[in-house]
Amino acid sequence: MIRWRQGTVLGTLREWPGALELDVEVDRQRVVALAYPLLVGRPEPGDAVLLNTTAIALGLGTGGYALVVAVPGRLPLDPAGPGHLMKARYTPLQAAVLGVEEPESPHHEAIRAADSLGGLPVVIADLHSALPAIVAGVLADRPGTRVSYVMTDGGALPLWFSRTVATLRDRLCGTVTVGQTLGGDLEAVTLHTGLLAARHVQRADVAVVTQGPGNLGTATPWGFSGVAAGEAVNAVSALGGRPVATLRLSGDDPRDRHQGVSHHSLTAYGRVALAAADVVVPAGLPAALAARVASDVVPLRNRHAIVEVDTTGLYDALRGLPVQLSSMGRGLAQDPSYFLACAAAGRHAAGLIS
């Protein structure tokens, strides 16, 4: 299940908050390895490192790093401070963090008393690549809006893996990692308490819920991590928020199941979501794609409100992001409809702020 290797650090490459890329020699070859210093310490050139090289062996894209498991010759100091919430539980790298709900947390009383999102608009998507586009849509009409990112555990578990989040820091009022994810400004046991933390601790005007990088799909109707988007609609509704559903749509994906509205969105919102949401369709799509999308969303009308949102100015807002947009290997120029759909959902959520 795990491909173990020993390597030697030759040098450091890129670094962003919480993560460090390394040039490592393994089996007389050079590979790029990723270390999370808060978990394993900070490897230095010359260090021997224990690696998990499974992703490289499988040829994975998003997660195709060798991962540093330990620096045996220079272990980090023992952690200090409170925190009894275990993330990545009962794995070799389980970590204790301070949960926002814990009695030791300065926010314990706020979360204990919280029972409602008070109409907070929450934009839900199934891919991490939607996050920057949603944020651009929110801020296009309402600069200064407080946007919180609530990261679920369908993709990467450490938030530190996301260079997107690191780059968007000045556009976010905070991050919350829920379930088995870790590394957010706040840690939470469930999506429900994570949403309450975004509203009552981070004072968000809008929250965005999606998994971390690395969507898992199997080309089967139910075997994809984005199915959790439907459960997120239910959670937001149960807490008195306003769910805004982002459609995964494309006119450029070579796979038919992702043409028009992806079967991922149709399953998550049409079968899994039991509560109503505003499902956003971007205006101004190419005629053929618009016709297919209109047909695809018909079954969603039984439960949800289909809302067409003007996209004027959103392409420029997307181009102005400091993040290089990419989804399934396609950027803004190659698949503009997907990113415009995400930005339109953000614009709609901004319009719901009371």
Protein backbone atom coordinates (compact mmCIF):
# COMPACT_ATOMS: atom_id res chain seq x y z
CA MET A 1 0.00 0.00 0.00
CA ILE A 2 2.95 2.33 0.59
CA ARG A 3 6.14 2.47 -1.46
CA TRP A 4 8.90 3.32 1.01
CA ARG A 5 12.26 4.76 0.03
CA GLN A 6 15.22 6.47 1.68
CA GLY A 7 16.70 9.56 0.09
CA THR A 8 19.18 12.36 0.56
CA VAL A 9 18.22 16.04 0.37
CA LEU A 10 20.25 17.83 -2.29
CA GLY A 11 18.63 21.24 -1.93
CA THR A 12 15.45 23.23 -1.45
CA LEU A 13 13.12 24.37 -4.22
CA ARG A 14 9.87 26.33 -3.81
CA GLU A 15 8.39 27.17 -0.43
CA TRP A 16 5.00 28.51 0.62
CA PRO A 17 3.28 28.69 4.03
CA GLY A 18 3.32 25.23 5.59
CA ALA A 19 5.07 23.39 2.75
CA LEU A 20 8.60 23.00 1.39
CA GLU A 21 9.66 21.44 -1.92
CA LEU A 22 12.94 19.57 -1.91
CA ASP A 23 15.35 18.20 -4.50
CA VAL A 24 16.05 14.66 -3.28
CA GLU A 25 18.22 11.83 -4.59
CA VAL A 26 16.45 8.46 -4.44
CA ASP A 27 17.79 5.26 -6.03
CA ARG A 28 20.35 7.33 -8.01
CA GLN A 29 17.59 9.51 -9.42
CA ARG A 30 16.48 13.03 -8.55
CA VAL A 31 12.87 13.52 -7.50
CA VAL A 32 10.84 16.40 -6.10
CA ALA A 33 9.72 15.74 -2.55
CA LEU A 34 7.33 17.68 -0.37
CA ALA A 35 7.73 18.24 3.36
CA TYR A 36 5.31 19.76 5.85
CA PRO A 37 7.66 21.31 8.44
CA LEU A 38 4.99 21.46 11.15
CA LEU A 39 4.66 17.67 10.91
CA VAL A 40 8.18 16.43 10.17
CA GLY A 41 10.52 19.36 10.86
CA ARG A 42 12.49 21.26 8.26
CA PRO A 43 14.81 19.05 6.16
CA GLU A 44 18.14 20.56 5.17
CA PRO A 45 20.60 19.69 2.39
CA GLY A 46 22.51 16.57 3.33
CA ASP A 47 19.73 15.16 5.52
CA ALA A 48 18.69 11.56 5.06
CA VAL A 49 14.90 11.43 4.72
CA LEU A 50 12.34 8.65 4.80
CA LEU A 51 9.94 9.00 1.86
CA ASN A 52 6.60 7.75 0.65
CA THR A 53 7.02 7.51 -3.14
CA THR A 54 3.70 5.82 -3.96
CA ALA A 55 2.30 8.81 -5.89
CA ILE A 56 5.36 8.99 -8.14
CA ALA A 57 5.16 5.26 -8.84
CA LEU A 58 1.48 5.63 -9.82
CA GLY A 59 2.18 8.67 -12.01
CA LEU A 60 -0.36 10.84 -10.19
CA GLY A 61 -0.79 14.45 -11.28
CA THR A 62 -1.90 16.74 -8.45
CA GLY A 63 -0.32 14.62 -5.72
CA GLY A 64 2.67 13.40 -7.71
CA TYR A 65 5.32 14.15 -5.10
CA ALA A 66 7.52 12.01 -2.96
CA LEU A 67 6.33 12.85 0.55
CA VAL A 68 8.73 13.27 3.45
CA VAL A 69 7.60 11.03 6.30
CA ALA A 70 10.50 11.70 8.68
CA VAL A 71 13.98 13.13 9.05
CA PRO A 72 15.36 10.35 11.27
CA GLY A 73 18.64 12.03 12.08
CA ARG A 74 17.09 15.31 13.24
CA LEU A 75 13.65 14.90 14.74
CA PRO A 76 11.61 18.03 15.48
CA LEU A 77 10.89 19.21 18.99
CA ASP A 78 7.86 17.88 20.81
CA PRO A 79 4.74 19.99 20.17
CA ALA A 80 3.73 22.49 22.81
CA GLY A 81 0.34 23.89 23.68
CA PRO A 82 -3.18 22.56 24.09
CA GLY A 83 -5.07 20.46 21.60
CA HIS A 84 -6.57 16.98 21.78
CA LEU A 85 -8.33 16.79 18.43
CA MET A 86 -6.60 14.11 16.35
CA LYS A 87 -6.48 14.52 12.57
CA ALA A 88 -5.48 11.74 10.16
CA ARG A 89 -6.45 9.52 13.06
CA TYR A 90 -4.71 6.18 13.56
CA THR A 91 -2.37 6.68 10.66
CA PRO A 92 1.40 6.90 11.23
CA LEU A 93 1.16 10.70 10.86
CA GLN A 94 -1.82 11.39 13.13
CA ALA A 95 -1.49 14.89 14.55
CA ALA A 96 -3.02 16.59 17.57
CA VAL A 97 -4.51 20.02 16.87
CA LEU A 98 -6.58 22.47 18.88
CA GLY A 99 -10.17 22.15 17.71
CA VAL A 100 -12.29 25.28 17.67
CA GLU A 101 -14.89 23.33 19.67
CA GLU A 102 -12.56 22.12 22.45
CA PRO A 103 -12.92 23.50 26.00
CA GLU A 104 -9.32 24.72 25.77
CA SER A 105 -10.13 26.78 22.69
CA PRO A 106 -10.73 30.51 23.16
CA HIS A 107 -13.72 30.04 20.85
CA HIS A 108 -15.32 27.16 22.75
CA GLU A 109 -18.13 29.23 24.24
CA ALA A 110 -18.94 30.90 20.91
CA ILE A 111 -19.23 27.54 19.17
CA ARG A 112 -21.16 25.98 22.07
CA ALA A 113 -23.73 28.77 21.86
CA ALA A 114 -23.89 28.88 18.06
CA ASP A 115 -26.81 27.12 16.41
CA SER A 116 -27.40 29.03 13.20
CA LEU A 117 -25.57 30.56 10.27
CA GLY A 118 -28.12 33.37 10.23
CA GLY A 119 -28.62 33.27 6.46
CA LEU A 120 -24.90 33.19 5.62
CA PRO A 121 -24.44 32.58 1.86
CA VAL A 122 -22.29 29.48 1.38
CA VAL A 123 -20.93 28.64 -2.07
CA ILE A 124 -20.41 24.92 -2.60
CA ALA A 125 -18.23 23.32 -5.27
CA ASP A 126 -16.76 19.87 -5.82
CA LEU A 127 -13.32 20.86 -7.14
CA HIS A 128 -10.60 22.84 -5.38
CA SER A 129 -9.91 24.68 -8.64
CA ALA A 130 -13.26 26.42 -8.19
CA LEU A 131 -12.06 28.31 -5.10
CA PRO A 132 -10.15 31.21 -6.71
CA ALA A 133 -12.86 31.75 -9.34
CA ILE A 134 -15.58 31.85 -6.68
CA VAL A 135 -13.56 34.35 -4.64
CA ALA A 136 -13.07 36.50 -7.75
CA GLY A 137 -16.83 36.48 -8.34
CA VAL A 138 -17.60 37.51 -4.76
CA LEU A 139 -15.10 40.36 -4.78
CA ALA A 140 -15.90 41.60 -8.29
CA ASP A 141 -18.97 43.49 -7.07
CA ARG A 142 -18.23 43.72 -3.35
CA PRO A 143 -14.56 44.46 -2.67
CA GLY A 144 -13.70 43.93 0.96
CA THR A 145 -16.23 41.14 1.50
CA ARG A 146 -15.05 38.75 4.20
CA VAL A 147 -14.69 35.33 2.57
CA SER A 148 -13.87 32.23 4.60
CA TYR A 149 -12.71 28.98 3.02
CA VAL A 150 -13.97 25.80 4.69
CA MET A 151 -11.95 22.84 3.38
CA THR A 152 -13.41 19.35 3.38
CA ASP A 153 -11.46 16.10 3.28
CA GLY A 154 -12.27 14.63 -0.13
CA GLY A 155 -8.90 15.66 -1.60
CA ALA A 156 -5.67 16.71 0.10
CA LEU A 157 -5.76 16.56 3.89
CA PRO A 158 -3.15 19.24 4.70
CA LEU A 159 -4.35 22.69 3.66
CA TRP A 160 -0.65 23.56 3.39
CA PHE A 161 -0.56 21.56 0.13
CA SER A 162 -2.60 24.26 -1.62
CA ARG A 163 -0.52 26.95 -3.29
CA THR A 164 -3.86 28.47 -4.31
CA VAL A 165 -4.82 29.14 -0.69
CA ALA A 166 -1.36 30.52 0.06
CA THR A 167 -1.70 32.97 -2.84
CA LEU A 168 -5.26 33.99 -1.95
CA ARG A 169 -4.47 34.81 1.69
CA ASP A 170 -5.06 38.54 1.27
CA ARG A 171 -8.49 37.82 -0.23
CA LEU A 172 -9.64 35.48 2.55
CA CYS A 173 -10.62 36.40 6.09
CA GLY A 174 -9.62 32.91 7.23
CA THR A 175 -9.58 29.18 6.59
CA VAL A 176 -11.18 26.29 8.46
CA THR A 177 -10.14 22.66 8.03
CA VAL A 178 -12.84 20.11 8.91
CA GLY A 179 -13.05 16.36 9.30
CA GLN A 180 -9.64 14.81 8.67
CA THR A 181 -8.17 17.92 7.04
CA LEU A 182 -5.70 20.03 8.99
CA GLY A 183 -3.65 23.20 8.75
CA GLY A 184 -6.39 25.82 8.62
CA ASP A 185 -6.48 28.94 10.75
CA LEU A 186 -9.14 27.03 12.68
CA GLU A 187 -9.60 23.27 13.04
CA ALA A 188 -13.06 21.73 13.37
CA VAL A 189 -14.47 18.25 13.94
CA THR A 190 -17.29 18.48 11.40
CA LEU A 191 -18.39 20.58 8.47
CA HIS A 192 -21.20 21.88 10.66
CA THR A 193 -18.91 23.31 13.33
CA GLY A 194 -16.53 24.49 10.62
CA LEU A 195 -19.32 26.54 9.07
CA LEU A 196 -20.33 27.91 12.45
CA ALA A 197 -16.70 28.88 13.08
CA ALA A 198 -16.54 30.71 9.74
CA ARG A 199 -19.67 32.67 10.65
CA HIS A 200 -19.25 33.32 14.37
CA VAL A 201 -15.46 33.34 14.84
CA GLN A 202 -14.10 34.58 11.51
CA ARG A 203 -17.15 36.83 10.94
CA ALA A 204 -17.41 35.78 7.30
CA ASP A 205 -19.90 37.46 4.97
CA VAL A 206 -19.59 34.50 2.57
CA ALA A 207 -18.16 31.02 3.04
CA VAL A 208 -16.83 28.72 0.34
CA VAL A 209 -16.94 24.94 0.85
CA THR A 210 -14.94 22.58 -1.33
CA GLN A 211 -12.38 19.82 -0.99
CA GLY A 212 -8.66 20.34 -1.05
CA PRO A 213 -6.56 19.71 -4.17
CA GLY A 214 -6.72 16.26 -5.70
CA ASN A 215 -10.26 15.20 -6.63
CA LEU A 216 -10.71 11.41 -6.58
CA GLY A 217 -12.79 9.93 -9.38
CA THR A 218 -13.32 6.40 -10.66
CA ALA A 219 -15.51 6.87 -13.78
CA THR A 220 -18.44 5.39 -11.83
CA PRO A 221 -21.70 7.19 -10.95
CA TRP A 222 -21.05 7.38 -7.20
CA GLY A 223 -17.32 6.82 -6.81
CA PHE A 224 -16.02 10.39 -6.71
CA SER A 225 -15.06 12.60 -3.79
CA GLY A 226 -17.16 15.51 -5.05
CA VAL A 227 -20.33 13.67 -3.98
CA ALA A 228 -19.76 15.48 -0.66
CA ALA A 229 -20.97 18.71 -2.31
CA GLY A 230 -24.51 17.39 -1.94
CA GLU A 231 -23.97 16.69 1.76
CA ALA A 232 -22.64 20.24 2.13
CA VAL A 233 -25.93 21.60 0.79
CA ASN A 234 -27.73 19.65 3.51
CA ALA A 235 -25.38 20.92 6.23
CA VAL A 236 -25.75 24.56 5.20
CA SER A 237 -29.53 24.26 5.08
CA ALA A 238 -29.72 22.50 8.44
CA LEU A 239 -27.83 25.40 10.01
CA GLY A 240 -29.97 28.12 8.46
CA GLY A 241 -27.53 29.22 5.77
CA ARG A 242 -28.12 29.95 2.08
CA PRO A 243 -26.60 27.16 -0.06
CA VAL A 244 -25.33 28.33 -3.46
CA ALA A 245 -24.42 25.41 -5.71
CA THR A 246 -21.64 25.79 -8.25
CA LEU A 247 -22.09 23.70 -11.37
CA ARG A 248 -19.15 21.85 -12.82
CA LEU A 249 -19.76 22.47 -16.49
CA SER A 250 -17.62 22.50 -19.59
CA GLY A 251 -17.75 22.71 -23.34
CA ASP A 252 -14.12 21.67 -23.63
CA ASP A 253 -13.65 18.57 -21.44
CA PRO A 254 -12.89 15.66 -23.79
CA ARG A 255 -14.89 13.24 -21.61
CA ASP A 256 -18.58 13.14 -22.50
CA ARG A 257 -19.66 12.63 -18.87
CA HIS A 258 -18.22 16.05 -18.06
CA GLN A 259 -19.59 17.82 -21.14
CA GLY A 260 -22.39 20.29 -20.42
CA VAL A 261 -23.14 19.85 -16.72
CA SER A 262 -20.90 17.12 -15.29
CA HIS A 263 -22.54 14.00 -13.92
CA HIS A 264 -20.71 14.91 -10.69
CA SER A 265 -22.90 18.00 -10.22
CA LEU A 266 -26.06 16.20 -11.33
CA THR A 267 -25.47 13.40 -8.83
CA ALA A 268 -24.39 15.59 -5.91
CA TYR A 269 -27.19 18.14 -6.26
CA GLY A 270 -29.83 15.94 -7.85
CA ARG A 271 -29.48 12.79 -5.73
CA VAL A 272 -27.48 13.57 -2.59
CA ALA A 273 -28.70 17.06 -1.69
CA LEU A 274 -32.05 16.71 0.07
CA ALA A 275 -32.35 20.44 0.81
CA ALA A 276 -32.90 23.23 -1.69
CA ALA A 277 -30.10 25.39 -3.04
CA ASP A 278 -29.66 28.19 -5.54
CA VAL A 279 -28.03 26.44 -8.51
CA VAL A 280 -26.19 29.05 -10.54
CA VAL A 281 -26.03 28.97 -14.34
CA PRO A 282 -23.78 31.58 -15.97
CA ALA A 283 -25.36 33.72 -18.66
CA GLY A 284 -23.70 34.21 -22.03
CA LEU A 285 -22.47 30.68 -22.66
CA PRO A 286 -21.89 29.66 -26.29
CA ALA A 287 -25.24 28.71 -27.83
CA ALA A 288 -24.66 24.98 -28.11
CA LEU A 289 -23.30 24.72 -24.58
CA ALA A 290 -26.10 26.91 -23.19
CA ALA A 291 -28.70 24.63 -24.77
CA ARG A 292 -27.08 21.52 -23.31
CA VAL A 293 -26.75 23.07 -19.85
CA ALA A 294 -30.40 24.17 -19.93
CA SER A 295 -31.41 20.61 -20.71
CA ASP A 296 -29.06 19.09 -18.12
CA VAL A 297 -30.39 21.15 -15.21
CA VAL A 298 -34.07 20.33 -15.84
CA PRO A 299 -34.06 17.47 -13.26
CA LEU A 300 -32.57 19.82 -10.65
CA ARG A 301 -35.62 22.11 -10.88
CA ASN A 302 -37.63 19.61 -8.85
CA ARG A 303 -35.81 20.69 -5.70
CA HIS A 304 -33.58 23.66 -6.43
CA ALA A 305 -33.91 27.20 -7.76
CA ILE A 306 -32.05 27.58 -11.06
CA VAL A 307 -30.60 31.08 -11.11
CA GLU A 308 -29.08 32.62 -14.22
CA VAL A 309 -26.36 35.11 -13.33
CA ASP A 310 -24.89 37.80 -15.55
CA THR A 311 -21.17 37.31 -16.15
CA THR A 312 -20.30 40.78 -17.43
CA GLY A 313 -16.86 41.73 -16.14
CA LEU A 314 -16.15 38.34 -14.58
CA TYR A 315 -13.67 37.21 -17.24
CA ASP A 316 -11.53 40.26 -16.46
CA ALA A 317 -11.89 39.55 -12.74
CA LEU A 318 -10.64 36.02 -13.34
CA ARG A 319 -7.71 37.26 -15.42
CA GLY A 320 -6.79 39.63 -12.61
CA LEU A 321 -6.34 36.88 -10.03
CA PRO A 322 -2.81 36.28 -8.70
CA VAL A 323 -3.47 32.54 -9.12
CA GLN A 324 -2.93 30.75 -12.42
CA LEU A 325 -6.30 29.09 -12.94
CA SER A 326 -6.17 25.42 -13.83
CA SER A 327 -8.67 22.58 -13.71
CA MET A 328 -7.96 19.13 -15.10
CA GLY A 329 -5.04 20.62 -16.99
CA ARG A 330 -7.08 23.39 -18.62
CA GLY A 331 -6.71 27.08 -17.85
CA LEU A 332 -9.04 30.03 -18.31
CA ALA A 333 -8.34 30.31 -22.04
CA GLN A 334 -8.91 26.58 -22.63
CA ASP A 335 -12.11 26.17 -20.55
CA PRO A 336 -13.58 29.62 -19.79
CA SER A 337 -17.12 28.33 -19.18
CA TYR A 338 -16.07 26.28 -16.15
CA PHE A 339 -14.36 29.19 -14.42
CA LEU A 340 -17.15 31.63 -15.34
CA ALA A 341 -19.68 29.25 -13.77
CA CYS A 342 -17.69 29.33 -10.52
CA ALA A 343 -17.31 33.11 -10.60
CA ALA A 344 -21.03 33.52 -11.29
CA ALA A 345 -21.82 31.51 -8.17
CA GLY A 346 -19.57 33.84 -6.17
CA ARG A 347 -21.29 36.88 -7.66
CA HIS A 348 -24.71 35.46 -6.74
CA ALA A 349 -23.60 34.78 -3.17
CA ALA A 350 -22.33 38.34 -2.82
CA GLY A 351 -25.77 39.55 -3.87
CA LEU A 352 -27.35 37.53 -1.05
CA ILE A 353 -25.38 39.27 1.70
CA SER A 354 -27.87 41.00 3.99
